[in-house]
Amino acid sequence: MSILVLTSDTLIGTPAAGNIEYNGQFYGTDSALSRAQMQRITQGTAVASTSGTSIDFTGLPAWVKRITVMLTGVSINSTSNFLFQIGSGSVTSTGYASRATYFQGATLSGGNSSAGFIAGNFGAANTQSGAITLTLLASNTWVATGYLADSGSNATSIGGTSPALSGALDRVRVTTVGGTDTFDAGSVNIIYEG
């Protein structure tokens, strides 16, 4: 199978069977010459989580169906739990149903949040690494799953659902419960796909 890259601004007619890349988007066709758009996986720009109280990724395209938020060596200056929030036009901070299960050595505990998708934090000296995946369920409602491990012997398992957003998701925020604690180490990035 071959791939044709189009460089013009206009796609005229229906392409022949195969795969076509057009303006950065992929189109797949079948033998009946119907055309369906497929989205590639797009990586954001990594953001150093060394200052500030939140990290925002904005301008996400309306076709996004799944987002993975990745953390490496992320730390804040307190024991406040991490919070992942989404939004359309602005960040939504109410209406979530999220739960995190914390594994602190041999001790199992947990926490809930309606302000975002919650994740544990086990001390200002520890760093968090891992990923959470946000997936569009329907009608601008998103679900989250994920796992973060820290530099100690602790970990967090994450799950939950968002409220229905007012429109297509266009932003993701990484912050803390209360939103006032400061990031002081690591980096955060996202990948998104249709």
N, C-alpha and C. Protein backbone atom coordinates (compact mmCIF):
# COMPACT_ATOMS: atom_id res chain seq x y z
N MET A 1 0.84 -1.17 0.00
CA MET A 1 0.00 0.00 0.00
C MET A 1 0.89 1.23 0.00
N SER A 2 0.50 2.24 -0.76
CA SER A 2 1.28 3.47 -0.84
C SER A 2 0.54 4.61 -0.15
N ILE A 3 1.26 5.68 0.16
CA ILE A 3 0.67 6.86 0.78
C ILE A 3 0.96 8.06 -0.12
N LEU A 4 -0.08 8.86 -0.38
CA LEU A 4 0.02 10.06 -1.18
C LEU A 4 -0.13 11.26 -0.27
N VAL A 5 0.78 12.23 -0.34
CA VAL A 5 0.70 13.44 0.46
C VAL A 5 0.25 14.57 -0.46
N LEU A 6 -0.90 15.21 -0.13
CA LEU A 6 -1.43 16.31 -0.92
C LEU A 6 -0.90 17.62 -0.37
N THR A 7 -0.53 18.52 -1.24
CA THR A 7 0.01 19.81 -0.79
C THR A 7 -0.89 20.98 -1.15
N SER A 8 -1.98 20.73 -1.89
CA SER A 8 -2.88 21.84 -2.24
C SER A 8 -3.84 22.11 -1.09
N ASP A 9 -4.58 23.21 -1.17
CA ASP A 9 -5.52 23.58 -0.13
C ASP A 9 -6.89 22.94 -0.31
N THR A 10 -7.14 22.30 -1.40
CA THR A 10 -8.47 21.78 -1.69
C THR A 10 -8.41 20.31 -2.08
N LEU A 11 -9.27 19.51 -1.44
CA LEU A 11 -9.39 18.10 -1.79
C LEU A 11 -10.60 17.98 -2.71
N ILE A 12 -10.39 17.58 -3.95
CA ILE A 12 -11.46 17.53 -4.94
C ILE A 12 -11.84 16.09 -5.20
N GLY A 13 -13.12 15.79 -5.07
CA GLY A 13 -13.60 14.45 -5.37
C GLY A 13 -13.26 13.46 -4.28
N THR A 14 -13.54 12.22 -4.52
CA THR A 14 -13.28 11.15 -3.57
C THR A 14 -12.03 10.41 -4.00
N PRO A 15 -11.06 10.24 -3.10
CA PRO A 15 -9.82 9.57 -3.49
C PRO A 15 -10.04 8.09 -3.75
N ALA A 16 -9.10 7.51 -4.46
CA ALA A 16 -9.14 6.07 -4.69
C ALA A 16 -8.87 5.33 -3.40
N ALA A 17 -9.15 4.02 -3.40
CA ALA A 17 -8.94 3.22 -2.20
C ALA A 17 -7.50 3.31 -1.74
N GLY A 18 -7.31 3.42 -0.45
CA GLY A 18 -5.98 3.53 0.12
C GLY A 18 -5.96 4.58 1.21
N ASN A 19 -4.80 5.08 1.56
CA ASN A 19 -4.67 6.10 2.58
C ASN A 19 -4.12 7.38 1.98
N ILE A 20 -4.68 8.51 2.41
CA ILE A 20 -4.23 9.81 1.93
C ILE A 20 -4.02 10.72 3.12
N GLU A 21 -2.91 11.45 3.11
CA GLU A 21 -2.67 12.47 4.11
C GLU A 21 -2.96 13.81 3.45
N TYR A 22 -3.80 14.64 4.12
CA TYR A 22 -4.18 15.93 3.58
C TYR A 22 -4.20 16.95 4.70
N ASN A 23 -3.40 17.99 4.60
CA ASN A 23 -3.31 19.04 5.61
C ASN A 23 -3.08 18.47 7.01
N GLY A 24 -2.24 17.43 7.11
CA GLY A 24 -1.92 16.85 8.39
C GLY A 24 -2.94 15.85 8.90
N GLN A 25 -4.02 15.63 8.16
CA GLN A 25 -5.05 14.68 8.57
C GLN A 25 -5.00 13.47 7.65
N PHE A 26 -5.37 12.33 8.17
CA PHE A 26 -5.35 11.11 7.39
C PHE A 26 -6.77 10.73 6.98
N TYR A 27 -6.91 10.28 5.74
CA TYR A 27 -8.19 9.81 5.23
C TYR A 27 -8.02 8.39 4.74
N GLY A 28 -8.92 7.52 5.17
CA GLY A 28 -8.89 6.15 4.71
C GLY A 28 -10.07 5.90 3.78
N THR A 29 -9.87 5.13 2.75
CA THR A 29 -10.96 4.83 1.82
C THR A 29 -11.08 3.33 1.64
N ASP A 30 -12.29 2.88 1.36
CA ASP A 30 -12.49 1.47 1.12
C ASP A 30 -12.76 1.25 -0.36
N SER A 31 -13.08 0.03 -0.74
CA SER A 31 -13.24 -0.28 -2.16
C SER A 31 -14.47 0.38 -2.77
N ALA A 32 -15.41 0.83 -1.93
CA ALA A 32 -16.60 1.54 -2.44
C ALA A 32 -16.33 3.03 -2.60
N LEU A 33 -15.11 3.43 -2.35
CA LEU A 33 -14.68 4.82 -2.50
C LEU A 33 -15.33 5.78 -1.50
N SER A 34 -15.78 5.25 -0.37
CA SER A 34 -16.24 6.16 0.67
C SER A 34 -15.00 6.64 1.43
N ARG A 35 -15.10 7.80 2.05
CA ARG A 35 -13.95 8.41 2.67
C ARG A 35 -14.25 8.67 4.14
N ALA A 36 -13.32 8.34 5.02
CA ALA A 36 -13.47 8.60 6.45
C ALA A 36 -12.19 9.25 6.96
N GLN A 37 -12.35 10.28 7.78
CA GLN A 37 -11.18 10.97 8.31
C GLN A 37 -10.67 10.22 9.54
N MET A 38 -9.36 10.07 9.64
CA MET A 38 -8.71 9.47 10.79
C MET A 38 -7.71 10.48 11.33
N GLN A 39 -7.61 10.55 12.63
CA GLN A 39 -6.68 11.52 13.21
C GLN A 39 -5.42 10.81 13.68
N ARG A 40 -4.29 11.44 13.50
CA ARG A 40 -3.03 10.91 14.00
C ARG A 40 -2.91 11.23 15.48
N ILE A 41 -1.98 10.56 16.13
CA ILE A 41 -1.66 10.90 17.51
C ILE A 41 -0.75 12.12 17.48
N THR A 42 -1.13 13.15 18.24
CA THR A 42 -0.39 14.41 18.26
C THR A 42 0.18 14.64 19.65
N GLN A 43 1.47 14.95 19.70
CA GLN A 43 2.11 15.22 20.98
C GLN A 43 2.15 16.71 21.22
N GLY A 44 1.82 17.12 22.46
CA GLY A 44 1.92 18.51 22.84
C GLY A 44 3.37 18.89 23.10
N THR A 45 3.56 20.07 23.64
CA THR A 45 4.89 20.54 24.03
C THR A 45 5.04 20.36 25.52
N ALA A 46 6.09 19.65 25.94
CA ALA A 46 6.31 19.41 27.36
C ALA A 46 6.47 20.74 28.09
N VAL A 47 5.88 20.80 29.29
CA VAL A 47 5.93 21.99 30.12
C VAL A 47 6.68 21.65 31.40
N ALA A 48 7.69 22.43 31.74
CA ALA A 48 8.41 22.24 33.00
C ALA A 48 7.48 22.56 34.16
N SER A 49 7.34 21.62 35.08
CA SER A 49 6.48 21.84 36.25
C SER A 49 7.34 22.28 37.43
N THR A 50 8.01 23.40 37.23
CA THR A 50 8.95 23.90 38.24
C THR A 50 8.49 25.20 38.89
N SER A 51 7.32 25.69 38.51
CA SER A 51 6.79 26.91 39.13
C SER A 51 5.30 27.00 38.81
N GLY A 52 4.61 27.89 39.50
CA GLY A 52 3.20 28.12 39.24
C GLY A 52 2.30 27.14 39.97
N THR A 53 1.01 27.43 39.94
CA THR A 53 0.03 26.61 40.66
C THR A 53 -0.79 25.72 39.74
N SER A 54 -0.64 25.88 38.43
CA SER A 54 -1.36 25.03 37.48
C SER A 54 -0.60 24.99 36.16
N ILE A 55 -0.84 23.93 35.42
CA ILE A 55 -0.27 23.76 34.08
C ILE A 55 -1.42 23.51 33.13
N ASP A 56 -1.57 24.38 32.13
CA ASP A 56 -2.70 24.29 31.20
C ASP A 56 -2.23 23.91 29.80
N PHE A 57 -3.00 23.04 29.17
CA PHE A 57 -2.86 22.73 27.75
C PHE A 57 -4.16 23.19 27.09
N THR A 58 -4.09 24.20 26.23
CA THR A 58 -5.29 24.78 25.63
C THR A 58 -5.23 24.65 24.11
N GLY A 59 -6.33 25.03 23.47
CA GLY A 59 -6.38 25.01 22.01
C GLY A 59 -6.50 23.62 21.42
N LEU A 60 -6.98 22.65 22.20
CA LEU A 60 -7.13 21.30 21.67
C LEU A 60 -8.24 21.28 20.63
N PRO A 61 -8.05 20.57 19.52
CA PRO A 61 -9.05 20.58 18.45
C PRO A 61 -10.33 19.82 18.83
N ALA A 62 -11.43 20.21 18.20
CA ALA A 62 -12.75 19.64 18.53
C ALA A 62 -12.85 18.15 18.21
N TRP A 63 -11.98 17.62 17.35
CA TRP A 63 -12.08 16.21 16.98
C TRP A 63 -11.45 15.27 17.99
N VAL A 64 -10.84 15.79 19.05
CA VAL A 64 -10.15 14.95 20.03
C VAL A 64 -11.13 14.02 20.74
N LYS A 65 -10.75 12.75 20.84
CA LYS A 65 -11.57 11.74 21.54
C LYS A 65 -10.82 11.12 22.72
N ARG A 66 -9.50 11.24 22.71
CA ARG A 66 -8.72 10.67 23.82
C ARG A 66 -7.48 11.51 24.05
N ILE A 67 -7.18 11.74 25.34
CA ILE A 67 -6.02 12.54 25.75
C ILE A 67 -5.28 11.77 26.83
N THR A 68 -3.98 11.70 26.70
CA THR A 68 -3.16 11.10 27.74
C THR A 68 -2.29 12.19 28.34
N VAL A 69 -2.40 12.37 29.66
CA VAL A 69 -1.60 13.35 30.39
C VAL A 69 -0.46 12.59 31.05
N MET A 70 0.78 12.98 30.74
CA MET A 70 1.96 12.27 31.23
C MET A 70 2.77 13.16 32.17
N LEU A 71 3.16 12.60 33.30
CA LEU A 71 3.97 13.31 34.28
C LEU A 71 5.28 12.56 34.47
N THR A 72 6.36 13.30 34.61
CA THR A 72 7.63 12.68 34.97
C THR A 72 8.33 13.55 36.01
N GLY A 73 8.57 12.97 37.18
CA GLY A 73 9.29 13.66 38.25
C GLY A 73 8.60 14.90 38.76
N VAL A 74 7.26 14.93 38.74
CA VAL A 74 6.51 16.13 39.12
C VAL A 74 6.35 16.20 40.64
N SER A 75 6.60 17.37 41.18
CA SER A 75 6.50 17.59 42.62
C SER A 75 5.86 18.95 42.89
N ILE A 76 5.21 19.04 44.04
CA ILE A 76 4.71 20.32 44.53
C ILE A 76 5.26 20.56 45.93
N ASN A 77 5.10 21.78 46.42
CA ASN A 77 5.73 22.16 47.69
C ASN A 77 4.88 21.85 48.91
N SER A 78 3.95 20.90 48.80
CA SER A 78 3.11 20.55 49.94
C SER A 78 2.60 19.12 49.78
N THR A 79 1.69 18.73 50.64
CA THR A 79 1.10 17.39 50.55
C THR A 79 -0.29 17.42 49.92
N SER A 80 -0.69 18.53 49.34
CA SER A 80 -1.99 18.62 48.67
C SER A 80 -2.06 17.63 47.51
N ASN A 81 -3.23 17.01 47.31
CA ASN A 81 -3.39 16.05 46.22
C ASN A 81 -3.42 16.74 44.86
N PHE A 82 -2.97 16.00 43.85
CA PHE A 82 -3.03 16.48 42.47
C PHE A 82 -4.47 16.44 41.97
N LEU A 83 -4.79 17.32 41.03
CA LEU A 83 -6.12 17.39 40.44
C LEU A 83 -5.97 17.64 38.94
N PHE A 84 -6.69 16.86 38.14
CA PHE A 84 -6.71 17.01 36.68
C PHE A 84 -8.10 17.51 36.31
N GLN A 85 -8.16 18.63 35.58
CA GLN A 85 -9.44 19.23 35.20
C GLN A 85 -9.49 19.44 33.70
N ILE A 86 -10.70 19.47 33.15
CA ILE A 86 -10.90 19.69 31.73
C ILE A 86 -11.88 20.84 31.54
N GLY A 87 -12.07 21.28 30.29
CA GLY A 87 -13.03 22.34 30.06
C GLY A 87 -13.26 22.63 28.60
N SER A 88 -14.29 23.44 28.37
CA SER A 88 -14.62 23.95 27.05
C SER A 88 -14.77 25.45 27.18
N GLY A 89 -13.79 26.20 26.71
CA GLY A 89 -13.81 27.66 26.86
C GLY A 89 -13.20 28.13 28.17
N SER A 90 -13.44 27.38 29.24
CA SER A 90 -12.83 27.63 30.55
C SER A 90 -12.76 26.30 31.29
N VAL A 91 -11.97 26.26 32.34
CA VAL A 91 -11.80 25.02 33.09
C VAL A 91 -13.03 24.76 33.94
N THR A 92 -13.52 23.53 33.92
CA THR A 92 -14.66 23.11 34.74
C THR A 92 -14.15 22.59 36.07
N SER A 93 -14.67 23.15 37.17
CA SER A 93 -14.15 22.79 38.50
C SER A 93 -15.22 22.23 39.42
N THR A 94 -16.37 21.82 38.87
CA THR A 94 -17.42 21.20 39.68
C THR A 94 -18.07 20.07 38.87
N GLY A 95 -18.75 19.17 39.57
CA GLY A 95 -19.56 18.16 38.91
C GLY A 95 -18.85 16.86 38.56
N TYR A 96 -17.59 16.72 38.91
CA TYR A 96 -16.88 15.47 38.65
C TYR A 96 -17.30 14.41 39.68
N ALA A 97 -17.14 13.16 39.31
CA ALA A 97 -17.28 12.05 40.26
C ALA A 97 -16.00 11.24 40.12
N SER A 98 -15.00 11.56 40.93
CA SER A 98 -13.71 10.90 40.79
C SER A 98 -13.29 10.26 42.10
N ARG A 99 -12.49 9.23 41.95
CA ARG A 99 -11.99 8.47 43.10
C ARG A 99 -10.56 8.06 42.82
N ALA A 100 -9.73 8.15 43.84
CA ALA A 100 -8.35 7.66 43.74
C ALA A 100 -8.10 6.71 44.90
N THR A 101 -7.43 5.63 44.60
CA THR A 101 -7.01 4.69 45.62
C THR A 101 -5.51 4.85 45.82
N TYR A 102 -5.11 5.07 47.07
CA TYR A 102 -3.71 5.34 47.38
C TYR A 102 -3.08 4.09 47.99
N PHE A 103 -1.92 3.76 47.48
CA PHE A 103 -1.14 2.65 48.02
C PHE A 103 0.10 3.24 48.67
N GLN A 104 0.11 3.31 49.99
CA GLN A 104 1.26 3.84 50.73
C GLN A 104 1.95 2.66 51.39
N GLY A 105 2.94 2.09 50.70
CA GLY A 105 3.56 0.87 51.18
C GLY A 105 2.51 -0.24 51.24
N ALA A 106 2.23 -0.75 52.42
CA ALA A 106 1.22 -1.80 52.60
C ALA A 106 -0.13 -1.24 53.00
N THR A 107 -0.24 0.08 53.11
CA THR A 107 -1.48 0.71 53.56
C THR A 107 -2.31 1.17 52.37
N LEU A 108 -3.59 0.83 52.36
CA LEU A 108 -4.50 1.20 51.29
C LEU A 108 -5.49 2.23 51.80
N SER A 109 -5.63 3.35 51.09
CA SER A 109 -6.61 4.38 51.45
C SER A 109 -7.10 5.02 50.17
N GLY A 110 -7.88 6.09 50.30
CA GLY A 110 -8.39 6.72 49.09
C GLY A 110 -8.99 8.09 49.34
N GLY A 111 -9.39 8.72 48.24
CA GLY A 111 -10.00 10.03 48.33
C GLY A 111 -10.94 10.27 47.17
N ASN A 112 -11.89 11.17 47.35
CA ASN A 112 -12.87 11.52 46.32
C ASN A 112 -12.74 13.00 45.99
N SER A 113 -13.24 13.38 44.81
CA SER A 113 -13.31 14.80 44.47
C SER A 113 -14.42 15.05 43.46
N SER A 114 -15.11 16.17 43.64
CA SER A 114 -16.06 16.64 42.64
C SER A 114 -15.50 17.83 41.87
N ALA A 115 -14.24 18.23 42.19
CA ALA A 115 -13.61 19.39 41.56
C ALA A 115 -12.72 19.01 40.39
N GLY A 116 -12.48 17.71 40.19
CA GLY A 116 -11.61 17.24 39.12
C GLY A 116 -11.28 15.79 39.34
N PHE A 117 -10.41 15.25 38.51
CA PHE A 117 -9.94 13.88 38.68
C PHE A 117 -8.78 13.92 39.67
N ILE A 118 -8.96 13.31 40.83
CA ILE A 118 -8.02 13.43 41.93
C ILE A 118 -6.94 12.36 41.86
N ALA A 119 -5.74 12.71 42.32
CA ALA A 119 -4.63 11.76 42.44
C ALA A 119 -3.87 12.08 43.72
N GLY A 120 -3.25 11.07 44.30
CA GLY A 120 -2.57 11.26 45.58
C GLY A 120 -1.26 12.00 45.46
N ASN A 121 -0.83 12.53 46.59
CA ASN A 121 0.49 13.15 46.73
C ASN A 121 1.00 12.75 48.10
N PHE A 122 2.20 12.23 48.17
CA PHE A 122 2.67 11.62 49.40
C PHE A 122 3.80 12.39 50.06
N GLY A 123 3.86 13.68 49.81
CA GLY A 123 4.85 14.51 50.48
C GLY A 123 5.60 15.40 49.53
N ALA A 124 6.00 16.56 50.02
CA ALA A 124 6.67 17.56 49.18
C ALA A 124 8.01 17.06 48.65
N ALA A 125 8.63 16.10 49.33
CA ALA A 125 9.93 15.60 48.89
C ALA A 125 9.80 14.54 47.80
N ASN A 126 8.61 14.01 47.59
CA ASN A 126 8.42 12.94 46.61
C ASN A 126 8.01 13.50 45.25
N THR A 127 8.36 12.78 44.19
CA THR A 127 7.97 13.18 42.84
C THR A 127 7.03 12.12 42.26
N GLN A 128 6.15 12.56 41.36
CA GLN A 128 5.16 11.68 40.74
C GLN A 128 5.49 11.47 39.26
N SER A 129 5.32 10.23 38.81
CA SER A 129 5.48 9.91 37.39
C SER A 129 4.40 8.92 36.99
N GLY A 130 3.93 9.02 35.76
CA GLY A 130 2.89 8.12 35.26
C GLY A 130 2.01 8.84 34.27
N ALA A 131 0.81 8.31 34.05
CA ALA A 131 -0.09 8.89 33.06
C ALA A 131 -1.54 8.63 33.43
N ILE A 132 -2.39 9.56 33.04
CA ILE A 132 -3.83 9.32 33.09
C ILE A 132 -4.39 9.51 31.69
N THR A 133 -5.39 8.73 31.37
CA THR A 133 -6.02 8.79 30.06
C THR A 133 -7.44 9.30 30.21
N LEU A 134 -7.78 10.33 29.44
CA LEU A 134 -9.12 10.90 29.39
C LEU A 134 -9.76 10.46 28.08
N THR A 135 -10.94 9.87 28.15
CA THR A 135 -11.61 9.35 26.96
C THR A 135 -13.02 9.91 26.87
N LEU A 136 -13.40 10.38 25.68
CA LEU A 136 -14.75 10.90 25.47
C LEU A 136 -15.74 9.77 25.53
N LEU A 137 -16.72 9.88 26.43
CA LEU A 137 -17.77 8.88 26.56
C LEU A 137 -18.90 9.19 25.58
N ALA A 138 -19.51 10.37 25.70
CA ALA A 138 -20.58 10.85 24.83
C ALA A 138 -21.01 12.21 25.33
N SER A 139 -21.59 12.99 24.44
CA SER A 139 -22.19 14.28 24.81
C SER A 139 -21.25 15.14 25.66
N ASN A 140 -19.99 15.22 25.27
CA ASN A 140 -19.00 16.04 25.94
C ASN A 140 -18.74 15.63 27.39
N THR A 141 -19.00 14.36 27.71
CA THR A 141 -18.68 13.79 29.00
C THR A 141 -17.45 12.89 28.85
N TRP A 142 -16.50 13.05 29.76
CA TRP A 142 -15.23 12.34 29.68
C TRP A 142 -15.02 11.45 30.90
N VAL A 143 -14.34 10.34 30.69
CA VAL A 143 -13.96 9.46 31.79
C VAL A 143 -12.44 9.41 31.89
N ALA A 144 -11.95 9.13 33.10
CA ALA A 144 -10.51 9.10 33.34
C ALA A 144 -10.10 7.80 34.00
N THR A 145 -8.95 7.29 33.59
CA THR A 145 -8.30 6.18 34.26
C THR A 145 -6.81 6.47 34.26
N GLY A 146 -6.10 5.94 35.24
CA GLY A 146 -4.67 6.16 35.22
C GLY A 146 -3.97 5.64 36.45
N TYR A 147 -2.66 5.80 36.43
CA TYR A 147 -1.83 5.29 37.51
C TYR A 147 -0.60 6.18 37.63
N LEU A 148 -0.32 6.64 38.83
CA LEU A 148 0.88 7.42 39.11
C LEU A 148 1.67 6.73 40.22
N ALA A 149 2.97 6.71 40.07
CA ALA A 149 3.85 6.18 41.11
C ALA A 149 4.79 7.28 41.54
N ASP A 150 5.12 7.30 42.84
CA ASP A 150 6.02 8.36 43.29
C ASP A 150 7.42 7.80 43.55
N SER A 151 8.32 8.70 43.93
CA SER A 151 9.72 8.33 44.11
C SER A 151 9.94 7.54 45.39
N GLY A 152 8.91 7.44 46.22
CA GLY A 152 8.97 6.57 47.39
C GLY A 152 8.36 5.22 47.03
N SER A 153 7.65 4.62 47.95
CA SER A 153 7.01 3.32 47.69
C SER A 153 5.50 3.49 47.62
N ASN A 154 5.03 4.57 47.01
CA ASN A 154 3.62 4.92 47.00
C ASN A 154 3.10 5.02 45.57
N ALA A 155 1.79 4.85 45.41
CA ALA A 155 1.19 4.93 44.08
C ALA A 155 -0.27 5.31 44.20
N THR A 156 -0.84 5.77 43.08
CA THR A 156 -2.25 6.16 43.03
C THR A 156 -2.90 5.54 41.81
N SER A 157 -4.05 4.94 42.00
CA SER A 157 -4.89 4.46 40.90
C SER A 157 -6.07 5.42 40.78
N ILE A 158 -6.36 5.88 39.56
CA ILE A 158 -7.31 6.97 39.34
C ILE A 158 -8.49 6.50 38.48
N GLY A 159 -9.69 6.98 38.79
CA GLY A 159 -10.85 6.73 37.94
C GLY A 159 -11.93 7.75 38.19
N GLY A 160 -12.81 7.95 37.21
CA GLY A 160 -13.92 8.87 37.42
C GLY A 160 -14.52 9.36 36.13
N THR A 161 -15.51 10.25 36.29
CA THR A 161 -16.20 10.84 35.15
C THR A 161 -16.36 12.34 35.36
N SER A 162 -16.42 13.06 34.27
CA SER A 162 -16.60 14.52 34.32
C SER A 162 -18.08 14.83 34.17
N PRO A 163 -18.47 16.07 34.47
CA PRO A 163 -19.79 16.52 34.05
C PRO A 163 -19.81 16.72 32.54
N ALA A 164 -20.98 16.83 31.95
CA ALA A 164 -21.07 17.15 30.52
C ALA A 164 -20.58 18.58 30.32
N LEU A 165 -19.57 18.77 29.50
CA LEU A 165 -19.07 20.11 29.22
C LEU A 165 -20.06 20.86 28.34
N SER A 166 -19.94 22.18 28.31
CA SER A 166 -20.85 23.01 27.51
C SER A 166 -20.60 22.89 26.02
N GLY A 167 -19.44 22.39 25.64
CA GLY A 167 -19.07 22.21 24.24
C GLY A 167 -17.92 21.24 24.16
N ALA A 168 -17.28 21.17 22.99
CA ALA A 168 -16.16 20.25 22.81
C ALA A 168 -15.00 20.63 23.73
N LEU A 169 -14.38 19.65 24.33
CA LEU A 169 -13.22 19.88 25.19
C LEU A 169 -12.13 20.60 24.41
N ASP A 170 -11.56 21.63 25.01
CA ASP A 170 -10.45 22.33 24.35
C ASP A 170 -9.28 22.61 25.28
N ARG A 171 -9.37 22.09 26.54
CA ARG A 171 -8.29 22.36 27.49
C ARG A 171 -8.22 21.30 28.58
N VAL A 172 -7.00 21.13 29.10
CA VAL A 172 -6.73 20.24 30.23
C VAL A 172 -5.84 21.00 31.19
N ARG A 173 -6.14 20.89 32.48
CA ARG A 173 -5.34 21.55 33.51
C ARG A 173 -4.83 20.51 34.51
N VAL A 174 -3.57 20.67 34.90
CA VAL A 174 -2.99 19.90 36.00
C VAL A 174 -2.76 20.90 37.13
N THR A 175 -3.36 20.62 38.30
CA THR A 175 -3.25 21.53 39.43
C THR A 175 -3.30 20.71 40.71
N THR A 176 -3.67 21.34 41.81
CA THR A 176 -3.80 20.64 43.08
C THR A 176 -5.15 20.97 43.71
N VAL A 177 -5.56 20.15 44.67
CA VAL A 177 -6.77 20.45 45.43
C VAL A 177 -6.54 21.79 46.14
N GLY A 178 -7.43 22.72 45.94
CA GLY A 178 -7.25 24.06 46.50
C GLY A 178 -6.60 25.01 45.51
N GLY A 179 -5.75 24.50 44.63
CA GLY A 179 -5.18 25.30 43.55
C GLY A 179 -4.15 26.32 43.96
N THR A 180 -3.60 26.23 45.18
CA THR A 180 -2.65 27.26 45.63
C THR A 180 -1.24 26.74 45.84
N ASP A 181 -1.06 25.44 45.76
CA ASP A 181 0.28 24.86 45.97
C ASP A 181 1.13 25.02 44.71
N THR A 182 2.43 25.11 44.88
CA THR A 182 3.33 25.45 43.79
C THR A 182 4.11 24.23 43.29
N PHE A 183 4.15 24.09 41.97
CA PHE A 183 4.98 23.05 41.35
C PHE A 183 6.45 23.42 41.53
N ASP A 184 7.28 22.39 41.79
CA ASP A 184 8.70 22.70 41.98
C ASP A 184 9.66 21.69 41.35
N ALA A 185 9.15 20.74 40.55
CA ALA A 185 10.06 19.81 39.88
C ALA A 185 9.30 19.06 38.78
N GLY A 186 10.05 18.59 37.77
CA GLY A 186 9.49 17.70 36.77
C GLY A 186 8.96 18.37 35.53
N SER A 187 8.22 17.59 34.74
CA SER A 187 7.58 18.12 33.53
C SER A 187 6.31 17.33 33.22
N VAL A 188 5.43 17.97 32.46
CA VAL A 188 4.13 17.42 32.10
C VAL A 188 3.95 17.58 30.58
N ASN A 189 3.35 16.60 29.94
CA ASN A 189 3.01 16.71 28.53
C ASN A 189 1.74 15.93 28.28
N ILE A 190 1.18 16.13 27.08
CA ILE A 190 0.00 15.38 26.67
C ILE A 190 0.20 14.83 25.28
N ILE A 191 -0.54 13.77 24.95
CA ILE A 191 -0.75 13.37 23.58
C ILE A 191 -2.27 13.30 23.40
N TYR A 192 -2.73 13.59 22.18
CA TYR A 192 -4.17 13.51 21.94
C TYR A 192 -4.41 12.91 20.57
N GLU A 193 -5.59 12.32 20.44
CA GLU A 193 -5.94 11.59 19.20
C GLU A 193 -7.44 11.64 18.99
N GLY A 194 -7.86 11.40 17.73
CA GLY A 194 -9.28 11.42 17.38
C GLY A 194 -9.87 10.04 17.36
